[in-house]
Amino acid sequence: MNEAENIQERYIQLVRDITKLQWVRESIASHSKNYEGLKKKIEKQLHLKEFSEKELNKYRMEKDFPNKSNKNGTRTLRQVTESVRFYEIAVRKLQVQVTEARIMELNEEKDKLDELCKQLHLLYDQVVVPGTEDIFEQHLRNDVEQLNIEIPDIESKIKLYKQAQTKLYKARELIDIAMKTLPGSTSFMDKQALSNVNSHAAISGYSFKNAWDPISKANELSQRGYKLVKVASELCPDDVPNIPNTTNFANDDVLRLLTNYRGYRLKIESVLRKQLNPRLNSFENQLVMSKYHFEQRTVEWVDRQVTFLESYLRANGFLENQNLDREISMLRMGSRAAVTAVAEASDRVTVDDALNISTEDNGALPEYEYNGSLLHNNDLPPPAYSR
């Protein structure tokens, strides 16, 4: 077999093999969406399960101290316990579905298709003489190569931002626990606002001398929170500032400490709500769109190379007495179906999701001020106490 016959046979075989596996690109889009959706559901259920477990532990602690008021409202121990069991069952069911989805993954078939497409690209570069390339094919090739570089970069950014997000949520939780650790803070948090000096006289009476242990514990917790914020800032310096913390002194009363902690927690919540979470959401939307365009351009690129090679080979005396109309027609139908499936699986990205996020527009972080009689937070409403 001479070189011309070899090129012809390779082309025919590649077209037929790619046509047989074209269904993979159509199926993998919906499968990936289902798999990612299951993972998000299980994350949500785990979070709700953790919340219910904390509620159960809090309920048991209140039962151990009957003098404390019941913060669980009308929920009984049975209701709280059933809530925990409900989420445990939901998590187990989702874990089974995730395992089944992982077994059904089409990676092996997709690897075969990718290898065939790679061979097609090599054949195209071997056959087509420089200077006679198809301009549209060149544009598609450049798009695929560019997206192949961009997608790992976006995934790397998402990983960093999720790490920073986790650390900020943990820091907020530590500051929250530190606030609850302070003597008298429970009654203070219940009131949520003070009108004059007398309203917080009981809290102000606590000092480092008569309440060293709980205040020392609160200081230890807050220091851990400050360190986590610093690490988060190092991970994402563009969107997570290193929030400065107020130095506590030995003569500070509980109210001043509580004000400092609450102000710091407000800053963490502001960074999460206005900067980090929107940026992370933007990256995730960008990743979805980039993957969609990558799959779309890849399908179009393969389709373009197949049709251009057919015309090129026939013009140069190849493919005589060879009818590939059926295979190429099936390939085009599969390409259109694959592009449609990818588009449906990618969801819609809104205009707000595509907007650029500028931290310069957010202004200074909110402040809590303490003047000995009133608490101020620059006229902002108090943040939600629970996570």
Protein backbone atom coordinates (compact mmCIF):
# COMPACT_ATOMS: atom_id res chain seq x y z
CA MET A 1 0.00 0.00 0.00
CA ASN A 2 1.50 3.35 -1.07
CA GLU A 3 1.30 6.56 0.97
CA ALA A 4 -1.72 7.90 -0.95
CA GLU A 5 -3.72 4.75 -0.28
CA ASN A 6 -2.61 4.78 3.36
CA ILE A 7 -3.86 8.37 3.82
CA GLN A 8 -7.16 7.49 2.19
CA GLU A 9 -7.70 4.40 4.36
CA ARG A 10 -6.76 6.30 7.53
CA TYR A 11 -9.21 9.06 6.71
CA ILE A 12 -12.10 6.69 5.95
CA GLN A 13 -11.48 4.65 9.10
CA LEU A 14 -11.22 7.76 11.30
CA VAL A 15 -14.48 9.18 9.93
CA ARG A 16 -16.31 5.91 10.62
CA ASP A 17 -14.83 5.46 14.10
CA ILE A 18 -15.50 9.06 15.13
CA THR A 19 -19.07 8.78 13.84
CA LYS A 20 -19.63 5.67 15.99
CA LEU A 21 -18.42 7.46 19.14
CA GLN A 22 -19.96 10.86 18.47
CA TRP A 23 -22.82 9.99 20.86
CA VAL A 24 -20.37 10.33 23.77
CA ARG A 25 -20.21 14.12 23.43
CA GLU A 26 -24.00 14.26 23.40
CA SER A 27 -24.34 12.07 26.50
CA ILE A 28 -21.48 13.34 28.62
CA ALA A 29 -22.92 16.86 28.91
CA SER A 30 -26.16 15.77 30.59
CA HIS A 31 -24.32 13.12 32.61
CA SER A 32 -21.81 15.65 33.93
CA LYS A 33 -24.61 18.04 34.86
CA ASN A 34 -26.39 15.26 36.77
CA TYR A 35 -23.17 14.24 38.52
CA GLU A 36 -22.30 17.82 39.54
CA GLY A 37 -25.88 18.40 40.66
CA LEU A 38 -25.74 15.37 42.94
CA LYS A 39 -22.51 16.58 44.50
CA LYS A 40 -24.04 20.00 45.23
CA LYS A 41 -27.13 18.37 46.74
CA ILE A 42 -25.05 16.23 49.05
CA GLU A 43 -23.06 19.28 50.19
CA LYS A 44 -26.31 21.07 51.03
CA GLN A 45 -27.72 18.08 52.92
CA LEU A 46 -24.47 17.69 54.88
CA HIS A 47 -24.68 21.35 55.88
CA LEU A 48 -28.32 20.96 57.02
CA LYS A 49 -27.40 17.77 58.89
CA GLU A 50 -24.59 19.61 60.68
CA PHE A 51 -26.98 22.44 61.59
CA SER A 52 -29.52 19.97 63.01
CA GLU A 53 -26.82 18.21 65.03
CA LYS A 54 -25.77 21.54 66.55
CA GLU A 55 -29.40 22.27 67.37
CA LEU A 56 -29.69 18.86 69.05
CA ASN A 57 -26.55 19.43 71.11
CA LYS A 58 -27.82 22.88 72.12
CA TYR A 59 -31.17 21.37 73.12
CA ARG A 60 -29.45 18.76 75.31
CA MET A 61 -27.28 21.42 76.97
CA GLU A 62 -30.36 23.46 77.82
CA LYS A 63 -31.97 20.37 79.32
CA ASP A 64 -28.88 19.92 81.50
CA PHE A 65 -29.32 23.50 82.77
CA PRO A 66 -33.06 23.92 83.43
CA ASN A 67 -32.60 27.48 84.74
CA LYS A 68 -31.72 28.65 81.22
CA SER A 69 -34.55 29.69 78.94
CA ASN A 70 -35.42 27.35 76.09
CA LYS A 71 -34.21 28.88 72.81
CA ASN A 72 -35.70 26.13 70.62
CA GLY A 73 -39.24 27.51 70.72
CA THR A 74 -41.86 24.81 70.34
CA ARG A 75 -39.52 22.18 68.87
CA THR A 76 -39.32 19.12 71.09
CA LEU A 77 -36.40 16.76 71.54
CA ARG A 78 -38.19 14.22 69.36
CA GLN A 79 -38.62 16.75 66.54
CA VAL A 80 -34.97 17.78 66.64
CA THR A 81 -33.84 14.13 66.71
CA GLU A 82 -36.09 13.25 63.77
CA SER A 83 -34.64 16.19 61.85
CA VAL A 84 -31.11 14.81 62.32
CA ARG A 85 -32.23 11.32 61.22
CA PHE A 86 -34.01 12.75 58.16
CA TYR A 87 -30.84 14.42 56.90
CA GLU A 88 -28.74 11.33 57.69
CA ILE A 89 -31.03 9.23 55.47
CA ALA A 90 -31.03 11.89 52.73
CA VAL A 91 -27.22 12.00 52.74
CA ARG A 92 -26.95 8.20 52.51
CA LYS A 93 -29.36 8.09 49.54
CA LEU A 94 -27.44 10.81 47.72
CA GLN A 95 -24.14 9.04 48.39
CA VAL A 96 -25.52 5.92 46.70
CA GLN A 97 -26.62 7.98 43.68
CA VAL A 98 -23.21 9.66 43.46
CA THR A 99 -21.51 6.25 43.55
CA GLU A 100 -23.77 4.96 40.77
CA ALA A 101 -23.15 8.10 38.69
CA ARG A 102 -19.41 7.69 39.13
CA ILE A 103 -19.62 4.11 37.84
CA MET A 104 -21.59 5.34 34.81
CA GLU A 105 -18.96 7.91 33.87
CA LEU A 106 -18.14 7.96 30.19
CA ASN A 107 -14.50 8.90 30.56
CA GLU A 108 -13.21 5.71 28.96
CA GLU A 109 -15.31 6.18 25.83
CA LYS A 110 -14.49 9.88 25.73
CA ASP A 111 -10.77 9.08 25.91
CA LYS A 112 -11.17 6.84 22.85
CA LEU A 113 -12.99 9.61 20.98
CA ASP A 114 -10.38 12.20 21.97
CA GLU A 115 -7.60 9.92 20.72
CA LEU A 116 -9.37 9.47 17.38
CA CYS A 117 -9.83 13.24 17.07
CA LYS A 118 -6.14 13.73 17.86
CA GLN A 119 -5.25 11.34 15.02
CA LEU A 120 -7.58 13.31 12.72
CA HIS A 121 -5.80 16.56 13.63
CA LEU A 122 -2.42 14.95 12.85
CA LEU A 123 -3.71 13.64 9.53
CA TYR A 124 -5.04 17.08 8.64
CA ASP A 125 -1.67 18.72 9.38
CA GLN A 126 0.07 15.99 7.35
CA VAL A 127 -2.18 16.23 4.29
CA VAL A 128 -3.06 19.92 3.97
CA VAL A 129 -0.27 21.88 2.33
CA PRO A 130 0.76 25.08 4.16
CA GLY A 131 -0.91 28.08 2.58
CA THR A 132 -4.04 26.16 1.62
CA GLU A 133 -5.48 25.85 5.13
CA ASP A 134 -9.11 26.66 5.78
CA ILE A 135 -9.39 30.00 7.62
CA PHE A 136 -12.48 28.92 9.57
CA GLU A 137 -10.66 25.74 10.66
CA GLN A 138 -7.77 27.89 11.91
CA HIS A 139 -10.12 30.05 13.99
CA LEU A 140 -11.72 26.96 15.55
CA ARG A 141 -8.30 25.47 16.29
CA ASN A 142 -7.16 28.68 18.02
CA ASP A 143 -10.37 28.83 20.08
CA VAL A 144 -9.96 25.23 21.28
CA GLU A 145 -6.29 25.73 22.18
CA GLN A 146 -7.05 28.97 24.05
CA LEU A 147 -9.92 27.43 26.01
CA ASN A 148 -7.75 24.43 26.81
CA ILE A 149 -5.40 26.84 28.59
CA GLU A 150 -8.09 28.96 30.26
CA ILE A 151 -10.17 26.17 31.83
CA PRO A 152 -7.43 24.77 34.15
CA ASP A 153 -6.60 28.35 35.19
CA ILE A 154 -10.24 29.05 36.14
CA GLU A 155 -10.46 25.73 38.02
CA SER A 156 -7.32 26.65 39.96
CA LYS A 157 -8.84 30.01 40.96
CA ILE A 158 -12.08 28.36 42.07
CA LYS A 159 -10.10 25.95 44.26
CA LEU A 160 -8.25 28.84 45.95
CA TYR A 161 -11.41 30.87 46.49
CA LYS A 162 -13.23 27.89 47.99
CA GLN A 163 -10.35 27.37 50.41
CA ALA A 164 -10.49 31.05 51.39
CA GLN A 165 -14.28 30.85 51.72
CA THR A 166 -14.03 27.87 54.07
CA LYS A 167 -11.48 29.68 56.23
CA LEU A 168 -13.60 32.83 56.44
CA TYR A 169 -16.70 30.86 57.46
CA LYS A 170 -14.64 29.06 60.10
CA ALA A 171 -13.20 32.38 61.31
CA ARG A 172 -16.70 33.82 61.61
CA GLU A 173 -17.79 30.77 63.59
CA LEU A 174 -14.81 31.13 65.97
CA ILE A 175 -15.56 34.82 66.55
CA ASP A 176 -19.20 33.90 67.15
CA ILE A 177 -18.21 31.30 69.74
CA ALA A 178 -15.85 33.82 71.36
CA MET A 179 -18.77 36.24 71.73
CA LYS A 180 -20.91 33.58 73.39
CA THR A 181 -18.04 32.67 75.71
CA LEU A 182 -17.91 36.14 77.30
CA PRO A 183 -19.63 36.46 80.71
CA GLY A 184 -23.09 37.96 80.42
CA SER A 185 -23.00 38.00 76.64
CA THR A 186 -26.07 35.79 76.29
CA SER A 187 -28.38 38.38 77.83
CA PHE A 188 -26.69 41.06 75.74
CA MET A 189 -27.19 39.20 72.47
CA ASP A 190 -30.82 38.57 73.33
CA LYS A 191 -31.50 42.30 73.62
CA GLN A 192 -29.53 43.09 70.39
CA ALA A 193 -29.49 46.80 71.24
CA LEU A 194 -28.77 49.08 74.19
CA SER A 195 -30.29 52.46 74.87
CA ASN A 196 -28.17 53.82 77.73
CA VAL A 197 -25.37 53.05 80.14
CA ASN A 198 -27.66 51.44 82.71
CA SER A 199 -28.87 48.83 80.24
CA HIS A 200 -25.44 47.27 80.06
CA ALA A 201 -24.24 47.91 83.58
CA ALA A 202 -24.44 44.24 84.47
CA ILE A 203 -22.26 43.27 81.53
CA SER A 204 -19.76 46.09 82.06
CA GLY A 205 -19.23 44.86 85.60
CA TYR A 206 -17.29 41.86 84.33
CA SER A 207 -13.56 42.44 84.01
CA PHE A 208 -10.43 40.38 83.47
CA LYS A 209 -9.99 40.13 87.23
CA ASN A 210 -13.29 38.41 88.04
CA ALA A 211 -13.80 36.62 84.73
CA TRP A 212 -10.32 35.65 83.57
CA ASP A 213 -11.07 32.11 82.38
CA PRO A 214 -13.96 32.78 79.95
CA ILE A 215 -12.34 35.97 78.63
CA SER A 216 -9.04 34.17 78.16
CA LYS A 217 -10.89 31.43 76.27
CA ALA A 218 -12.65 34.02 74.11
CA ASN A 219 -9.33 35.69 73.33
CA GLU A 220 -7.83 32.35 72.30
CA LEU A 221 -10.76 31.65 69.96
CA SER A 222 -10.61 35.11 68.42
CA GLN A 223 -6.86 34.79 67.78
CA ARG A 224 -7.51 31.58 65.85
CA GLY A 225 -10.14 33.42 63.83
CA TYR A 226 -7.73 36.28 63.07
CA LYS A 227 -5.14 33.80 61.79
CA LEU A 228 -7.68 32.14 59.48
CA VAL A 229 -8.62 35.53 58.01
CA LYS A 230 -4.94 36.25 57.40
CA VAL A 231 -4.51 32.92 55.58
CA ALA A 232 -7.63 33.61 53.48
CA SER A 233 -6.22 37.02 52.58
CA GLU A 234 -2.95 35.43 51.46
CA LEU A 235 -4.87 32.95 49.28
CA CYS A 236 -7.00 35.64 47.57
CA PRO A 237 -5.32 39.02 48.16
CA ASP A 238 -7.38 40.76 45.46
CA ASP A 239 -10.77 40.08 47.08
CA VAL A 240 -10.03 39.25 50.73
CA PRO A 241 -8.37 42.05 52.70
CA ASN A 242 -6.46 41.19 55.85
CA ILE A 243 -9.01 42.60 58.29
CA PRO A 244 -7.22 44.42 61.14
CA ASN A 245 -8.27 43.36 64.62
CA THR A 246 -8.57 45.61 67.66
CA THR A 247 -6.08 44.97 70.44
CA ASN A 248 -7.74 44.01 73.71
CA PHE A 249 -6.40 45.39 76.98
CA ALA A 250 -6.55 44.03 80.51
CA ASN A 251 -8.91 46.79 81.67
CA ASP A 252 -11.43 46.30 78.85
CA ASP A 253 -14.89 45.38 80.08
CA VAL A 254 -17.00 42.67 78.52
CA LEU A 255 -19.13 45.10 76.55
CA ARG A 256 -16.10 46.60 74.81
CA LEU A 257 -14.75 43.12 74.00
CA LEU A 258 -18.13 42.05 72.69
CA THR A 259 -18.30 45.17 70.53
CA ASN A 260 -14.85 44.45 69.08
CA TYR A 261 -15.73 40.83 68.28
CA ARG A 262 -19.07 41.74 66.79
CA GLY A 263 -17.49 44.42 64.63
CA TYR A 264 -14.88 41.97 63.38
CA ARG A 265 -17.55 39.41 62.57
CA LEU A 266 -19.48 42.06 60.63
CA LYS A 267 -16.37 42.75 58.54
CA ILE A 268 -15.97 39.04 57.74
CA GLU A 269 -19.61 38.83 56.68
CA SER A 270 -19.20 41.94 54.54
CA VAL A 271 -16.17 40.47 52.74
CA LEU A 272 -18.02 37.21 52.12
CA ARG A 273 -21.21 38.86 50.91
CA LYS A 274 -19.77 41.69 48.80
CA GLN A 275 -16.44 40.39 47.55
CA LEU A 276 -15.47 36.74 47.87
CA ASN A 277 -18.80 34.98 47.26
CA PRO A 278 -19.74 37.09 44.20
CA ARG A 279 -16.27 36.60 42.74
CA LEU A 280 -16.44 32.83 43.34
CA ASN A 281 -19.88 32.72 41.73
CA SER A 282 -18.49 34.65 38.76
CA PHE A 283 -15.63 32.18 38.33
CA GLU A 284 -18.01 29.21 38.52
CA ASN A 285 -20.24 30.73 35.82
CA GLN A 286 -17.17 31.49 33.74
CA LEU A 287 -16.06 27.86 34.07
CA VAL A 288 -19.46 26.57 32.94
CA MET A 289 -19.44 28.84 29.90
CA SER A 290 -15.81 28.02 29.05
CA LYS A 291 -16.49 24.28 29.18
CA TYR A 292 -19.57 24.78 27.03
CA HIS A 293 -17.60 26.74 24.43
CA PHE A 294 -14.75 24.21 24.57
CA GLU A 295 -17.05 21.29 23.80
CA GLN A 296 -18.90 23.30 21.16
CA ARG A 297 -15.72 24.44 19.41
CA THR A 298 -14.21 20.94 19.59
CA VAL A 299 -17.25 19.41 17.89
CA GLU A 300 -17.26 22.14 15.23
CA TRP A 301 -13.50 21.79 14.71
CA VAL A 302 -13.69 18.03 14.12
CA ASP A 303 -16.67 18.47 11.81
CA ARG A 304 -14.86 21.17 9.84
CA GLN A 305 -11.68 19.09 9.45
CA VAL A 306 -13.64 16.05 8.26
CA THR A 307 -15.56 17.99 5.60
CA PHE A 308 -12.54 20.03 4.49
CA LEU A 309 -10.35 16.92 4.24
CA GLU A 310 -13.00 15.18 2.14
CA SER A 311 -13.11 18.08 -0.33
CA TYR A 312 -9.33 18.42 -0.30
CA LEU A 313 -8.70 14.71 -0.89
CA ARG A 314 -11.29 14.46 -3.68
CA ALA A 315 -9.81 17.52 -5.36
CA ASN A 316 -6.41 15.79 -5.34
CA GLY A 317 -7.62 12.49 -6.80
CA PHE A 318 -8.37 10.56 -3.60
CA LEU A 319 -11.57 8.85 -2.42
CA GLU A 320 -12.53 7.64 -5.87
CA ASN A 321 -15.53 5.29 -5.76
CA GLN A 322 -15.85 6.02 -2.02
CA ASN A 323 -19.22 7.26 -0.77
CA LEU A 324 -19.00 8.80 2.71
CA ASP A 325 -22.26 10.76 2.54
CA ARG A 326 -23.95 8.55 5.14
CA GLU A 327 -21.08 8.77 7.66
CA ILE A 328 -20.61 12.52 7.22
CA SER A 329 -24.36 13.12 7.46
CA MET A 330 -24.49 11.11 10.71
CA LEU A 331 -21.44 12.97 11.98
CA ARG A 332 -23.09 16.33 11.33
CA MET A 333 -26.32 15.23 13.00
CA GLY A 334 -24.32 14.00 15.99
CA SER A 335 -22.39 17.27 16.09
CA ARG A 336 -25.58 19.34 16.17
CA ALA A 337 -27.06 17.09 18.86
CA ALA A 338 -23.87 17.31 20.92
CA VAL A 339 -23.79 21.11 20.70
CA THR A 340 -27.48 21.27 21.69
CA ALA A 341 -26.93 18.91 24.65
CA VAL A 342 -23.97 20.94 25.88
CA ALA A 343 -25.99 24.15 25.62
CA GLU A 344 -28.91 22.65 27.57
CA ALA A 345 -26.60 21.30 30.27
CA SER A 346 -24.79 24.61 30.69
CA ASP A 347 -27.86 26.54 31.94
CA ARG A 348 -28.31 30.27 31.37
CA VAL A 349 -25.85 32.84 32.65
CA THR A 350 -27.51 36.13 33.59
CA VAL A 351 -26.17 39.59 32.90
CA ASP A 352 -25.46 40.09 36.61
CA ASP A 353 -23.30 36.96 36.65
CA ALA A 354 -21.18 38.34 33.84
CA LEU A 355 -20.58 41.74 35.45
CA ASN A 356 -17.08 42.54 36.61
CA ILE A 357 -16.57 42.83 40.35
CA SER A 358 -14.54 45.79 41.57
CA THR A 359 -13.54 45.83 45.23
CA GLU A 360 -12.82 49.55 44.94
CA ASP A 361 -16.56 50.22 44.67
CA ASN A 362 -17.34 48.54 47.98
CA GLY A 363 -15.88 51.29 50.15
CA ALA A 364 -14.58 50.79 53.67
CA LEU A 365 -15.68 47.80 55.70
CA PRO A 366 -18.49 48.54 58.19
CA GLU A 367 -17.50 49.57 61.71
CA TYR A 368 -18.97 49.13 65.16
CA GLU A 369 -18.16 51.99 67.52
CA TYR A 370 -18.27 52.05 71.31
CA ASN A 371 -18.69 55.37 73.14
CA GLY A 372 -19.50 54.12 76.62
CA SER A 373 -23.26 54.49 76.29
CA LEU A 374 -24.38 53.47 72.83
CA LEU A 375 -23.32 51.10 70.09
CA HIS A 376 -23.16 52.36 66.51
CA ASN A 377 -22.49 50.57 63.26
CA ASN A 378 -22.68 53.47 60.81
CA ASP A 379 -26.48 53.16 60.62
CA LEU A 380 -26.27 49.63 59.22
CA PRO A 381 -28.79 47.06 60.45
CA PRO A 382 -27.34 44.30 62.65
CA PRO A 383 -26.20 41.21 60.72
CA ALA A 384 -28.02 37.91 60.97
CA TYR A 385 -26.86 36.21 64.14
CA SER A 386 -26.96 32.68 62.75
CA ARG A 387 -24.94 31.40 59.83
